[in-house]
C-alpha atoms as a PDB file:
ATOM      1  CA  MET A   1      29.548  74.268 184.936  1.00  0.00           C
ATOM      2  CA  LEU A   2      28.556  77.745 183.946  1.00  0.00           C
ATOM      3  CA  ARG A   3      26.492  79.377 186.591  1.00  0.00           C
ATOM      4  CA  MET A   4      24.227  82.307 186.365  1.00  0.00           C
ATOM      5  CA  LEU A   5      27.245  82.111 187.393  1.00  0.00           C
ATOM      6  CA  ARG A   6      34.393  97.071 207.957  1.00  0.00           C
ATOM      7  CA  ALA A   7      34.584  99.660 210.737  1.00  0.00           C
ATOM      8  CA  GLN A   8      36.323 101.997 213.123  1.00  0.00           C
ATOM      9  CA  LYS A   9      36.208 101.432 216.879  1.00  0.00           C
ATOM     10  CA  SER A  10      35.101 104.155 219.192  1.00  0.00           C
ATOM     11  CA  SER A  11      32.665 104.297 222.062  1.00  0.00           C
ATOM     12  CA  GLY A  12      29.314 103.834 220.307  1.00  0.00           C
ATOM     13  CA  THR A  13      27.699 101.395 217.903  1.00  0.00           C
ATOM     14  CA  SER A  14      25.614 101.598 214.764  1.00  0.00           C
ATOM     15  CA  LEU A  15      24.683  99.243 211.962  1.00  0.00           C
ATOM     16  CA  SER A  16      25.697 100.195 208.448  1.00  0.00           C
ATOM     17  CA  SER A  17      24.180  99.317 205.101  1.00  0.00           C
ATOM     18  CA  GLU A  18      25.605  96.584 202.888  1.00  0.00           C
ATOM     19  CA  SER A  19      29.266  96.929 202.002  1.00  0.00           C
ATOM     20  CA  SER A  20      31.030  96.182 198.746  1.00  0.00           C
ATOM     21  CA  SER A  21      31.798  92.696 200.038  1.00  0.00           C
ATOM     22  CA  GLY A  22      28.120  91.861 199.702  1.00  0.00           C
ATOM     23  CA  TYR A  23      27.829  91.619 203.491  1.00  0.00           C
ATOM     24  CA  PRO A  24      26.525  94.350 205.770  1.00  0.00           C
ATOM     25  CA  HIS A  25      28.931  95.140 208.565  1.00  0.00           C
ATOM     26  CA  ILE A  26      28.829  96.424 212.099  1.00  0.00           C
ATOM     27  CA  CYS A  27      30.317  99.897 212.373  1.00  0.00           C
ATOM     28  CA  PHE A  28      31.605 101.172 215.678  1.00  0.00           C
ATOM     29  CA  GLY A  29      31.597 104.896 216.229  1.00  0.00           C
ATOM     30  CA  GLY A  30      29.571 107.778 217.583  1.00  0.00           C
ATOM     31  CA  ARG A  31      28.722 108.963 221.067  1.00  0.00           C
ATOM     32  CA  ALA A  32      25.819 106.770 222.122  1.00  0.00           C
ATOM     33  CA  SER A  33      26.713 103.850 224.384  1.00  0.00           C
ATOM     34  CA  THR A  34      26.351 100.333 223.025  1.00  0.00           C
ATOM     35  CA  SER A  35      23.782  99.467 225.679  1.00  0.00           C
ATOM     36  CA  THR A  36      21.696 102.505 224.734  1.00  0.00           C
ATOM     37  CA  PHE A  37      21.882 101.461 221.081  1.00  0.00           C
ATOM     38  CA  ARG A  38      20.834  97.884 221.803  1.00  0.00           C
ATOM     39  CA  ASN A  39      17.899  99.024 223.918  1.00  0.00           C
ATOM     40  CA  ARG A  40      16.767 101.368 221.162  1.00  0.00           C
ATOM     41  CA  VAL A  41      17.008  98.828 218.339  1.00  0.00           C
ATOM     42  CA  ARG A  42      16.245  95.721 220.433  1.00  0.00           C
ATOM     43  CA  MET A  43      18.237  93.423 218.171  1.00  0.00           C
ATOM     44  CA  THR A  44      19.096  89.885 219.210  1.00  0.00           C
ATOM     45  CA  ILE A  45      22.441  88.211 218.650  1.00  0.00           C
ATOM     46  CA  VAL A  46      20.948  86.348 215.700  1.00  0.00           C
ATOM     47  CA  GLU A  47      19.654  89.571 214.161  1.00  0.00           C
ATOM     48  CA  VAL A  48      22.989  91.337 214.588  1.00  0.00           C
ATOM     49  CA  THR A  49      24.808  88.337 213.143  1.00  0.00           C
ATOM     50  CA  ARG A  50      22.470  88.213 210.158  1.00  0.00           C
ATOM     51  CA  ARG A  51      22.912  91.933 209.587  1.00  0.00           C
ATOM     52  CA  ALA A  52      26.639  91.242 209.397  1.00  0.00           C
ATOM     53  CA  GLY A  53      26.119  88.621 206.690  1.00  0.00           C
ATOM     54  CA  GLY A  54      25.397  85.687 208.967  1.00  0.00           C
ATOM     55  CA  ILE A  55      28.964  85.256 210.195  1.00  0.00           C
ATOM     56  CA  VAL A  56      30.917  87.444 212.629  1.00  0.00           C
ATOM     57  CA  PRO A  57      33.881  87.357 214.970  1.00  0.00           C
ATOM     58  CA  THR A  58      32.755  87.209 218.582  1.00  0.00           C
ATOM     59  CA  ARG A  59      34.697  90.417 219.271  1.00  0.00           C
ATOM     60  CA  ALA A  60      32.205  92.220 216.998  1.00  0.00           C
ATOM     61  CA  LEU A  61      29.304  90.907 219.079  1.00  0.00           C
ATOM     62  CA  ARG A  62      31.029  92.071 222.267  1.00  0.00           C
ATOM     63  CA  ALA A  63      31.627  95.473 220.713  1.00  0.00           C
ATOM     64  CA  ALA A  64      27.914  95.576 219.862  1.00  0.00           C
ATOM     65  CA  GLY A  65      27.152  95.226 223.573  1.00  0.00           C
ATOM     66  CA  PHE A  66      26.591  91.483 224.025  1.00  0.00           C
ATOM     67  CA  SER A  67      28.214  89.799 227.001  1.00  0.00           C
ATOM     68  CA  ASP A  68      30.186  86.573 226.875  1.00  0.00           C
ATOM     69  CA  HIS A  69      27.315  84.962 228.781  1.00  0.00           C
ATOM     70  CA  ALA A  70      24.804  86.059 226.121  1.00  0.00           C
ATOM     71  CA  ILE A  71      27.022  84.676 223.367  1.00  0.00           C
ATOM     72  CA  ARG A  72      27.432  81.342 225.201  1.00  0.00           C
ATOM     73  CA  GLN A  73      23.674  81.167 225.720  1.00  0.00           C
ATOM     74  CA  ALA A  74      23.012  81.767 222.009  1.00  0.00           C
ATOM     75  CA  LEU A  75      25.461  78.986 221.200  1.00  0.00           C
ATOM     76  CA  ALA A  76      23.911  76.626 223.756  1.00  0.00           C
ATOM     77  CA  THR A  77      20.419  77.202 222.360  1.00  0.00           C
ATOM     78  CA  ARG A  78      21.694  76.697 218.786  1.00  0.00           C
ATOM     79  CA  GLN A  79      20.683  80.158 217.648  1.00  0.00           C
ATOM     80  CA  ILE A  80      24.208  80.439 216.287  1.00  0.00           C
ATOM     81  CA  TYR A  81      27.093  77.998 216.069  1.00  0.00           C
ATOM     82  CA  ARG A  82      30.844  78.214 216.409  1.00  0.00           C
ATOM     83  CA  VAL A  83      32.645  78.165 213.057  1.00  0.00           C
ATOM     84  CA  ARG A  84      36.073  78.220 214.653  1.00  0.00           C
ATOM     85  CA  LYS A  85      37.613  79.894 217.677  1.00  0.00           C
ATOM     86  CA  GLY A  86      36.478  83.509 217.726  1.00  0.00           C
ATOM     87  CA  TRP A  87      33.899  83.203 214.911  1.00  0.00           C
ATOM     88  CA  VAL A  88      30.198  82.341 214.997  1.00  0.00           C
ATOM     89  CA  ALA A  89      27.507  82.084 212.340  1.00  0.00           C
ATOM     90  CA  THR A  90      23.851  81.457 211.701  1.00  0.00           C
ATOM     91  CA  ARG A  91      22.973  78.170 210.056  1.00  0.00           C
ATOM     92  CA  ASP A  92      21.982  79.609 206.689  1.00  0.00           C
ATOM     93  CA  VAL A  93      25.389  80.997 205.701  1.00  0.00           C
ATOM     94  CA  ASP A  94      26.867  79.946 202.368  1.00  0.00           C
ATOM     95  CA  PRO A  95      29.097  76.902 202.999  1.00  0.00           C
ATOM     96  CA  ALA A  96      31.855  78.493 200.892  1.00  0.00           C
ATOM     97  CA  VAL A  97      32.067  81.394 203.340  1.00  0.00           C
ATOM     98  CA  ILE A  98      32.245  78.960 206.252  1.00  0.00           C
ATOM     99  CA  ARG A  99      35.084  77.076 204.587  1.00  0.00           C
ATOM    100  CA  ALA A 100      36.977  80.306 203.976  1.00  0.00           C
ATOM    101  CA  VAL A 101      36.742  81.370 207.618  1.00  0.00           C
ATOM    102  CA  ARG A 102      37.713  77.911 208.850  1.00  0.00           C
ATOM    103  CA  ALA A 103      40.764  78.139 206.612  1.00  0.00           C
ATOM    104  CA  ARG A 104      41.512  81.494 208.310  1.00  0.00           C
ATOM    105  CA  GLY A 105      40.960  83.438 205.121  1.00  0.00           C
ATOM    106  CA  VAL A 106      38.442  85.606 203.302  1.00  0.00           C
ATOM    107  CA  LEU A 107      36.295  84.238 200.462  1.00  0.00           C
ATOM    108  CA  THR A 108      37.456  85.842 197.222  1.00  0.00           C
ATOM    109  CA  CYS A 109      38.285  85.431 193.534  1.00  0.00           C
ATOM    110  CA  LEU A 110      36.267  82.781 191.662  1.00  0.00           C
ATOM    111  CA  SER A 111      34.475  81.483 194.775  1.00  0.00           C
ATOM    112  CA  GLU A 112      33.217  84.932 195.728  1.00  0.00           C
ATOM    113  CA  ALA A 113      32.168  85.605 192.126  1.00  0.00           C
ATOM    114  CA  ILE A 114      30.068  82.441 192.186  1.00  0.00           C
ATOM    115  CA  ARG A 115      28.582  83.315 195.586  1.00  0.00           C
ATOM    116  CA  ARG A 116      27.500  86.673 194.176  1.00  0.00           C
ATOM    117  CA  GLY A 117      25.751  85.007 191.251  1.00  0.00           C
ATOM    118  CA  LEU A 118      28.160  86.150 188.550  1.00  0.00           C
ATOM    119  CA  TRP A 119      28.612  84.058 185.435  1.00  0.00           C
ATOM    120  CA  ALA A 120      31.525  81.749 186.121  1.00  0.00           C
ATOM    121  CA  ILE A 121      32.881  78.276 185.485  1.00  0.00           C
ATOM    122  CA  ASP A 122      33.469  76.585 188.839  1.00  0.00           C
ATOM    123  CA  ASP A 123      36.888  74.979 189.200  1.00  0.00           C
ATOM    124  CA  GLY A 124      35.762  72.995 192.233  1.00  0.00           C
ATOM    125  CA  GLN A 125      38.108  74.753 194.657  1.00  0.00           C
ATOM    126  CA  ILE A 126      37.617  77.357 197.367  1.00  0.00           C
ATOM    127  CA  HIS A 127      39.505  80.576 196.684  1.00  0.00           C
ATOM    128  CA  ILE A 128      40.507  82.533 199.768  1.00  0.00           C
ATOM    129  CA  ALA A 129      42.565  85.621 200.432  1.00  0.00           C
ATOM    130  CA  ALA A 130      45.000  85.464 203.309  1.00  0.00           C
ATOM    131  CA  ARG A 131      44.539  88.183 205.882  1.00  0.00           C
ATOM    132  CA  LYS A 132      47.451  90.559 206.314  1.00  0.00           C
ATOM    133  CA  HIS A 133      50.101  89.030 208.605  1.00  0.00           C
ATOM    134  CA  ALA A 134      47.879  85.947 208.865  1.00  0.00           C
ATOM    135  CA  GLY A 135      49.305  82.816 210.348  1.00  0.00           C
ATOM    136  CA  GLY A 136      47.999  79.280 210.386  1.00  0.00           C
ATOM    137  CA  ILE A 137      46.328  79.452 206.968  1.00  0.00           C
ATOM    138  CA  LYS A 138      44.813  76.044 206.260  1.00  0.00           C
ATOM    139  CA  SER A 139      45.377  75.713 202.544  1.00  0.00           C
ATOM    140  CA  THR A 140      44.241  72.119 202.007  1.00  0.00           C
ATOM    141  CA  GLY A 141      41.581  72.163 199.296  1.00  0.00           C
ATOM    142  CA  CYS A 142      41.956  75.923 198.889  1.00  0.00           C
ATOM    143  CA  VAL A 143      43.590  78.298 196.449  1.00  0.00           C
ATOM    144  CA  VAL A 144      45.235  80.924 198.660  1.00  0.00           C
ATOM    145  CA  HIS A 145      45.758  84.458 197.315  1.00  0.00           C
ATOM    146  CA  TRP A 146      48.461  86.320 199.234  1.00  0.00           C
ATOM    147  CA  ALA A 147      48.495  89.568 197.235  1.00  0.00           C
ATOM    148  CA  GLU A 148      47.782  92.810 199.064  1.00  0.00           C
ATOM    149  CA  PRO A 149      44.219  93.949 198.250  1.00  0.00           C
ATOM    150  CA  ALA A 150      43.558  97.096 196.245  1.00  0.00           C
ATOM    151  CA  ILE A 151      40.708  97.900 198.629  1.00  0.00           C
ATOM    152  CA  PRO A 152      41.645  97.340 202.299  1.00  0.00           C
ATOM    153  CA  ARG A 153      39.866  94.464 204.020  1.00  0.00           C
ATOM    154  CA  HIS A 154      38.390  94.996 207.456  1.00  0.00           C
ATOM    155  CA  PRO A 155      39.487  92.164 209.785  1.00  0.00           C
ATOM    156  CA  ASP A 156      35.860  91.344 210.610  1.00  0.00           C
ATOM    157  CA  VAL A 157      34.703  90.532 207.049  1.00  0.00           C
ATOM    158  CA  ALA A 158      34.370  86.982 205.767  1.00  0.00           C
ATOM    159  CA  ALA A 159      34.001  87.796 202.056  1.00  0.00           C
ATOM    160  CA  ASP A 160      36.050  90.119 199.892  1.00  0.00           C
ATOM    161  CA  SER A 161      34.912  93.277 198.139  1.00  0.00           C
ATOM    162  CA  LEU A 162      33.762  92.792 194.558  1.00  0.00           C
ATOM    163  CA  GLU A 163      36.605  94.909 193.202  1.00  0.00           C
ATOM    164  CA  ASN A 164      39.261  92.850 194.980  1.00  0.00           C
ATOM    165  CA  CYS A 165      37.508  89.710 193.812  1.00  0.00           C
ATOM    166  CA  LEU A 166      37.597  90.819 190.155  1.00  0.00           C
ATOM    167  CA  LEU A 167      41.247  91.844 190.307  1.00  0.00           C
ATOM    168  CA  LEU A 168      42.197  88.432 191.673  1.00  0.00           C
ATOM    169  CA  VAL A 169      40.042  86.720 189.048  1.00  0.00           C
ATOM    170  CA  ALA A 170      42.021  88.507 186.332  1.00  0.00           C
ATOM    171  CA  ASP A 171      45.313  87.163 187.683  1.00  0.00           C
ATOM    172  CA  CYS A 172      44.046  83.700 188.630  1.00  0.00           C
ATOM    173  CA  GLN A 173      41.708  82.600 185.844  1.00  0.00           C
ATOM    174  CA  PRO A 174      42.299  82.119 182.108  1.00  0.00           C
ATOM    175  CA  HIS A 175      41.705  85.349 180.185  1.00  0.00           C
ATOM    176  CA  GLU A 176      38.436  84.221 178.632  1.00  0.00           C
ATOM    177  CA  ARG A 177      36.906  83.087 181.923  1.00  0.00           C
ATOM    178  CA  ALA A 178      38.025  86.288 183.622  1.00  0.00           C
ATOM    179  CA  VAL A 179      36.371  88.357 180.884  1.00  0.00           C
ATOM    180  CA  VAL A 180      33.116  86.440 181.388  1.00  0.00           C
ATOM    181  CA  ILE A 181      33.123  87.238 185.126  1.00  0.00           C
ATOM    182  CA  TRP A 182      34.016  90.917 184.621  1.00  0.00           C
ATOM    183  CA  GLU A 183      31.322  91.283 181.951  1.00  0.00           C
ATOM    184  CA  SER A 184      28.780  89.714 184.284  1.00  0.00           C
ATOM    185  CA  ALA A 185      29.594  92.283 186.983  1.00  0.00           C
ATOM    186  CA  MET A 186      29.378  95.078 184.406  1.00  0.00           C
ATOM    187  CA  ASN A 187      26.113  93.772 182.954  1.00  0.00           C
ATOM    188  CA  LYS A 188      24.587  93.744 186.444  1.00  0.00           C
ATOM    189  CA  ALA A 189      25.843  97.338 186.945  1.00  0.00           C
ATOM    190  CA  LEU A 190      27.889  96.274 189.978  1.00  0.00           C
ATOM    191  CA  VAL A 191      31.021  97.893 188.551  1.00  0.00           C
ATOM    192  CA  THR A 192      31.925  99.952 185.501  1.00  0.00           C
ATOM    193  CA  ALA A 193      34.965  99.948 183.279  1.00  0.00           C
ATOM    194  CA  GLU A 194      35.720 103.447 184.545  1.00  0.00           C
ATOM    195  CA  SER A 195      35.603 102.473 188.216  1.00  0.00           C
ATOM    196  CA  MET A 196      37.795  99.423 187.658  1.00  0.00           C
ATOM    197  CA  GLY A 197      40.218 101.439 185.566  1.00  0.00           C
ATOM    198  CA  ARG A 198      40.919 103.746 188.501  1.00  0.00           C
ATOM    199  CA  LEU A 199      42.282 100.866 190.578  1.00  0.00           C
ATOM    200  CA  PRO A 200      45.878  99.616 190.466  1.00  0.00           C
ATOM    201  CA  LEU A 201      45.746  96.964 187.742  1.00  0.00           C
ATOM    202  CA  SER A 202      48.142  94.174 186.915  1.00  0.00           C
ATOM    203  CA  ARG A 203      49.067  93.523 183.303  1.00  0.00           C
ATOM    204  CA  ARG A 204      46.494  90.729 183.101  1.00  0.00           C
ATOM    205  CA  ALA A 205      43.788  92.868 184.700  1.00  0.00           C
ATOM    206  CA  ARG A 206      44.451  95.621 182.148  1.00  0.00           C
ATOM    207  CA  ALA A 207      44.028  93.073 179.364  1.00  0.00           C
ATOM    208  CA  VAL A 208      40.715  91.894 180.817  1.00  0.00           C
ATOM    209  CA  LEU A 209      39.504  95.477 181.223  1.00  0.00           C
ATOM    210  CA  ALA A 210      40.402  96.257 177.606  1.00  0.00           C
ATOM    211  CA  THR A 211      38.248  93.332 176.446  1.00  0.00           C
ATOM    212  CA  ALA A 212      35.279  93.353 178.819  1.00  0.00           C
ATOM    213  CA  ALA A 213      32.047  95.171 177.965  1.00  0.00           C
ATOM    214  CA  PRO A 214      28.638  95.315 179.670  1.00  0.00           C
ATOM    215  CA  TRP A 215      26.539  94.219 176.690  1.00  0.00           C
ATOM    216  CA  SER A 216      26.544  90.423 177.035  1.00  0.00           C
ATOM    217  CA  ASP A 217      23.232  89.046 178.262  1.00  0.00           C
ATOM    218  CA  SER A 218      24.717  85.748 179.448  1.00  0.00           C
ATOM    219  CA  GLY A 219      27.986  84.026 180.152  1.00  0.00           C
ATOM    220  CA  LEU A 220      27.605  82.020 176.943  1.00  0.00           C
ATOM    221  CA  GLU A 221      27.324  85.226 174.975  1.00  0.00           C
ATOM    222  CA  SER A 222      30.453  86.570 176.662  1.00  0.00           C
ATOM    223  CA  ILE A 223      32.351  83.430 175.689  1.00  0.00           C
ATOM    224  CA  ALA A 224      31.174  83.581 172.079  1.00  0.00           C
ATOM    225  CA  MET A 225      31.945  87.284 171.740  1.00  0.00           C
ATOM    226  CA  THR A 226      35.417  86.860 173.220  1.00  0.00           C
ATOM    227  CA  ARG A 227      36.191  84.019 170.817  1.00  0.00           C
ATOM    228  CA  LEU A 228      34.923  85.886 167.742  1.00  0.00           C
ATOM    229  CA  ARG A 229      36.735  89.171 168.300  1.00  0.00           C
ATOM    230  CA  PHE A 230      39.513  88.088 165.953  1.00  0.00           C
ATOM    231  CA  LEU A 231      37.126  88.392 162.971  1.00  0.00           C
ATOM    232  CA  ASP A 232      37.769  91.547 160.985  1.00  0.00           C
ATOM    233  CA  VAL A 233      34.064  92.377 160.851  1.00  0.00           C
ATOM    234  CA  ARG A 234      31.671  94.415 162.965  1.00  0.00           C
ATOM    235  CA  ILE A 235      29.913  92.448 165.703  1.00  0.00           C
ATOM    236  CA  LEU A 236      27.086  94.047 167.676  1.00  0.00           C
ATOM    237  CA  GLN A 237      25.427  92.635 170.780  1.00  0.00           C
ATOM    238  CA  GLN A 238      21.813  92.786 171.949  1.00  0.00           C
ATOM    239  CA  ILE A 239      20.619  94.779 168.938  1.00  0.00           C
ATOM    240  CA  VAL A 240      16.811  94.885 168.715  1.00  0.00           C
ATOM    241  CA  ILE A 241      15.525  93.493 165.424  1.00  0.00           C
ATOM    242  CA  ALA A 242      11.839  92.800 164.808  1.00  0.00           C
ATOM    243  CA  GLY A 243      10.952  93.752 168.368  1.00  0.00           C
ATOM    244  CA  ARG A 244      13.445  91.498 170.174  1.00  0.00           C
ATOM    245  CA  PRO A 245      17.187  91.667 170.895  1.00  0.00           C
ATOM    246  CA  VAL A 246      19.487  89.252 169.113  1.00  0.00           C
ATOM    247  CA  ASP A 247      22.601  87.953 170.827  1.00  0.00           C
ATOM    248  CA  LEU A 248      25.124  88.767 168.091  1.00  0.00           C
ATOM    249  CA  LEU A 249      24.759  90.558 164.761  1.00  0.00           C
ATOM    250  CA  ILE A 250      27.793  89.939 162.577  1.00  0.00           C
ATOM    251  CA  GLY A 251      28.099  92.447 159.777  1.00  0.00           C
ATOM    252  CA  ASP A 252      24.750  93.455 158.303  1.00  0.00           C
ATOM    253  CA  ARG A 253      22.644  90.311 158.421  1.00  0.00           C
ATOM    254  CA  LEU A 254      24.302  87.297 160.072  1.00  0.00           C
ATOM    255  CA  VAL A 255      22.561  86.671 163.399  1.00  0.00           C
ATOM    256  CA  VAL A 256      23.986  84.288 166.000  1.00  0.00           C
ATOM    257  CA  GLN A 257      21.543  83.222 168.711  1.00  0.00           C
ATOM    258  CA  ILE A 258      22.793  81.335 171.765  1.00  0.00           C
ATOM    259  CA  ASP A 259      20.457  79.093 173.751  1.00  0.00           C
ATOM    260  CA  GLY A 260      20.971  78.880 177.500  1.00  0.00           C
ATOM    261  CA  GLY A 261      19.172  76.682 179.983  1.00  0.00           C
ATOM    262  CA  HIS A 262      16.053  78.883 179.916  1.00  0.00           C
ATOM    263  CA  HIS A 263      15.404  78.288 176.218  1.00  0.00           C
ATOM    264  CA  VAL A 264      12.747  75.616 176.740  1.00  0.00           C
ATOM    265  CA  GLY A 265       8.971  75.325 176.407  1.00  0.00           C
ATOM    266  CA  PRO A 266       7.131  78.541 175.498  1.00  0.00           C
ATOM    267  CA  GLN A 267      10.418  80.480 175.421  1.00  0.00           C
ATOM    268  CA  ARG A 268      11.813  78.079 172.856  1.00  0.00           C
ATOM    269  CA  ASP A 269       8.661  78.484 170.736  1.00  0.00           C
ATOM    270  CA  LYS A 270       9.067  82.278 170.804  1.00  0.00           C
ATOM    271  CA  ASP A 271      12.719  81.945 169.803  1.00  0.00           C
ATOM    272  CA  ILE A 272      11.853  79.778 166.807  1.00  0.00           C
ATOM    273  CA  ALA A 273       9.099  82.165 165.738  1.00  0.00           C
ATOM    274  CA  HIS A 274      11.498  85.101 165.950  1.00  0.00           C
ATOM    275  CA  ASP A 275      14.099  83.201 163.919  1.00  0.00           C
ATOM    276  CA  ALA A 276      11.503  82.623 161.204  1.00  0.00           C
ATOM    277  CA  LEU A 277      10.619  86.320 161.176  1.00  0.00           C
ATOM    278  CA  LEU A 278      14.284  87.292 160.885  1.00  0.00           C
ATOM    279  CA  ILE A 279      14.714  84.949 157.918  1.00  0.00           C
ATOM    280  CA  THR A 280      11.745  86.486 156.100  1.00  0.00           C
ATOM    281  CA  MET A 281      13.402  89.884 156.635  1.00  0.00           C
ATOM    282  CA  GLY A 282      16.566  88.725 154.894  1.00  0.00           C
ATOM    283  CA  TYR A 283      18.710  87.780 157.886  1.00  0.00           C
ATOM    284  CA  VAL A 284      20.651  84.526 158.151  1.00  0.00           C
ATOM    285  CA  VAL A 285      20.302  82.909 161.577  1.00  0.00           C
ATOM    286  CA  ILE A 286      22.733  80.511 163.231  1.00  0.00           C
ATOM    287  CA  ARG A 287      21.356  79.200 166.522  1.00  0.00           C
ATOM    288  CA  VAL A 288      23.662  77.263 168.842  1.00  0.00           C
ATOM    289  CA  SER A 289      23.192  75.537 172.190  1.00  0.00           C
ATOM    290  CA  TYR A 290      25.001  75.627 175.527  1.00  0.00           C
ATOM    291  CA  ASP A 291      26.699  72.327 174.741  1.00  0.00           C
ATOM    292  CA  GLN A 292      27.914  73.563 171.370  1.00  0.00           C
ATOM    293  CA  VAL A 293      29.436  76.736 172.834  1.00  0.00           C
ATOM    294  CA  VAL A 294      31.050  75.068 175.844  1.00  0.00           C
ATOM    295  CA  ASN A 295      32.042  71.671 174.451  1.00  0.00           C
ATOM    296  CA  HIS A 296      32.086  71.936 170.658  1.00  0.00           C
ATOM    297  CA  TRP A 297      33.193  75.488 169.954  1.00  0.00           C
ATOM    298  CA  PRO A 298      35.542  74.694 167.015  1.00  0.00           C
ATOM    299  CA  GLU A 299      32.544  73.420 165.027  1.00  0.00           C
ATOM    300  CA  VAL A 300      30.543  76.554 165.831  1.00  0.00           C
ATOM    301  CA  GLN A 301      33.439  78.830 164.946  1.00  0.00           C
ATOM    302  CA  HIS A 302      34.027  76.996 161.656  1.00  0.00           C
ATOM    303  CA  ARG A 303      30.380  77.424 160.682  1.00  0.00           C
ATOM    304  CA  ILE A 304      30.488  81.157 161.402  1.00  0.00           C
ATOM    305  CA  MET A 305      33.799  81.580 159.571  1.00  0.00           C
ATOM    306  CA  GLN A 306      32.378  79.781 156.541  1.00  0.00           C
ATOM    307  CA  ALA A 307      29.385  82.121 156.513  1.00  0.00           C
ATOM    308  CA  VAL A 308      31.635  85.188 156.723  1.00  0.00           C
ATOM    309  CA  ALA A 309      33.930  83.838 153.985  1.00  0.00           C
ATOM    310  CA  GLN A 310      30.894  83.427 151.723  1.00  0.00           C
ATOM    311  CA  GLY A 311      29.785  86.996 152.403  1.00  0.00           C
ATOM    312  CA  VAL A 312      26.613  85.853 154.128  1.00  0.00           C
ATOM    313  CA  HIS A 313      27.057  88.628 156.690  1.00  0.00           C
ATOM    314  CA  LEU A 314      26.926  91.372 154.049  1.00  0.00           C
ATOM    315  CA  ALA A 315      23.798  93.183 152.924  1.00  0.00           C
ATOM    316  CA  ALA A 316      22.453  91.912 149.602  1.00  0.00           C
END
């Protein structure tokens, strides 16, 4: 289903802001002692763990100044729990991240895209990246990505950086689905085509980058736009007509509107009213549903191709 869809060791300790993996991380460095830092900030093990994304290796807690006794006490009082040997977590961590760590990997690719809320079609598997020189990877029920990351992974992170995630998506997923995920990240201003283009790209990643654009307002729109690019006509996205954006404008006056799950109730009434206004202005409107785009696309495409063949998209 389509879903709307870290650190160098030294002698001191500080807490950094959120990293590109979507998880904050503990950063070791500076001159202040760890005990001085803990006294100043007065953070508990739970707070430090949450600041690190809710899941950390116990070595990171020790480096932050917590003793083995304090860690055992937090485990005994169920403030945190043991994910596997050497890793602990709070109880509100995404289950996909837990599965990745238990498999001795890092959550990445499609699974990490879904965790971040990008538009994606879930394949029902957990995608993990194997840590460098990792042994004992538990691959049952997982898709394991062994490729070296473009952006180095710190050994303490449980989820991959967005850029690494997108690059793996390009090589792992069908082209169309990869484009949808990349466009979602671009639409949310999490990455740009320029920033991705500066990374080492595989042939498939270059093809995705050449296709992806930030204009799609939903995953359905990304799918439709990708499938209609073969038409030898101009297609514009999110152009404002009569005070509201339309999903696709083909040529001069053929409007394609795509209903997602939010097109119900008052929103649906507004959509219908806007369609009527567009028609009175001389536009031709084709409105399609989620089910039509995802499960009955050939029928939708045929209808649009018929309209273009008849010149419906051209100004009168």
